[in-house]
Amino acid sequence: MNNIRNSVLNISTNDKNYGKNAHMNNNKLLVVEDDPGLQSQIRWCFENYDVLLANDRGSAIEQVRKNKPAVVTLDLGLPPHEDNPSEGFATLEQIMEIDPNIKVIVVTGQEERENAVKAIGLGAYDFYSKPFEPEIISLIVNRAFRLLELEDENLRLQSSGIHEPFAGVIACSPQMQSVCKAVEKVAPSDATVLLLGESGTGKELCARGLHTLGSNNEGNFVAINCAAIPETLLESELFGYEKGAFTGANKTTIGKVEYANGGTLFLDEMGDLPFTLQAKLLRFLQERVVERVGGHEPIPVNVRVVCATHQNLREKIEQGQFREDLFYRISEIPLEIPPLRDREGDIIILARFFFEKFNEDHGRKLRGFTKDALSSMEAYSWPGNVRELQNRIKRAVIMTDGKQLSSMDLELDRTSSESMNFNLRDIREKVERQAILRALSHVNGKVAPAAELLGVSRPTLYDLIKKLNITV
């Protein structure tokens, strides 16, 4: 049955008097037990908490609604069916419907493995097997309160925007923090920026960050995908056209460049810009004037230009598909956006953000991710990057029948395609670095709770952070 307990996030505590020493907004513990003797024993164990008692489903639900306990211990054998777990399961489901954040610890018999598994599936935090052992039940309950405190701190830090350097970008990894600092540094200038990176990494979000933090943020942010518009229409889309310039041109129409005047023009998928248009775009970038299709008068524009591509433009230059002079013009400052698989700690941070968003948007009351889902997400290579992560979580939130999202809901397996490395020092440092960054991401950069997750002292963790050059 230890395997079942390991399915719950393992946060331990060495402080048996945690309830006395911790500062918590809610230290209410509800004990649902119909045996008066066990009620007294459990109450005696937790004199440091505000202990509430209930002996059946009705009184338990009344206590939950009235007093909103943080943690509940629930005996599955409740009246009127003490020998059948059905009443206990019904109570568990009702508690989860009222507040899915309550940590419910179910109490089972020694040979009731199936009941324990079912309870975890219905949303229980953990389980405890009779006979009553004060030290074990104390450890489980203290750990539940500790986890709640960490979750509250996590939500508080998320709401404070600590991981959102500018709108839409959520990151804790050193790789993305470096990108965000570069965006903040470049934004006030008028330099043309080229954003490089795989599809789905967030290039448009960075472009919007350059616009928001720049001096031209009062103007329009105009985005155009050079690969999504047919070549025959792209010129008029970019530069506009005069009345009568071609069949169907019934009125003079300004293009995207003019519309972005005083703001930012974002040219996405620049690698797909037709060769015939590259010369005209180069002239615009050099002279900051445009000529509409069918027009003869140059029109001056003041616009910040940001370009992006997932392609290797130098290879396209060698193949004669991209102008070298245009490449140097658009890449005054190139910024590489790393793929999600290389952003240490960001996968879980982003997954939790998307989960909370879609859980609320779709009116679900899910309780986060199972441990196997977290492991699978961290092992997966994410070829579609952040966009793929967002789509998988949205689909899982909508489709799941469980209380938590599993790796099956996310349609992920736990295989990894990483190449084998036999250097023990490299392996040890890589694993230590990943574990520390993962722990920090779970607790939003707080060293003390991260040390508890890792099972080391705070000074030891500080030494490892310094040794591995980790930024906190």
Foldseek 3Di string as FASTA:
>chain_A
DVVLQVQFQDFFDPDLVLLQPDDDPAQEEEEADQDVVVVVVQCVLPVSGNYHYHDFLVVLLVCCVPVVHQEYEFEQQGPPRNVDSPRRLVSLLSSCVVALRRAYEYEEEPPPPVVQNVSVQQRHNYYHYDDDDSVVVSRVVSRSVVVSVLVVLQVVCVVVCPQPLDPPGGADFPQVVVLSVVLLVCLQDLAFEEEEEAAQLCPVVSVVSSQCNYPLVVADEAEDEQQPDDLVCVQCQAAWAAQPLDPPSNHTDGHRQQSRFSTAYEYEAPLNHFPVCLVQVLVCLVPQWGAHRVGDDTHHGDYRYYYYHHDDVVVCVVVVGHDPSSVCRNHVPYDYRYFQLPGQQVQVLLLVVLLVVLCVVVVHSADEATPQLVLQSNQDRPSNGSVLSNVLSNQLSVPDPTRYRYCVSSVTDNDHPDDDDDPPVVVVLVVVVSLLSNLCSSSVNDQCSSCSSVVHHSVVSVVSCVVSVPDD
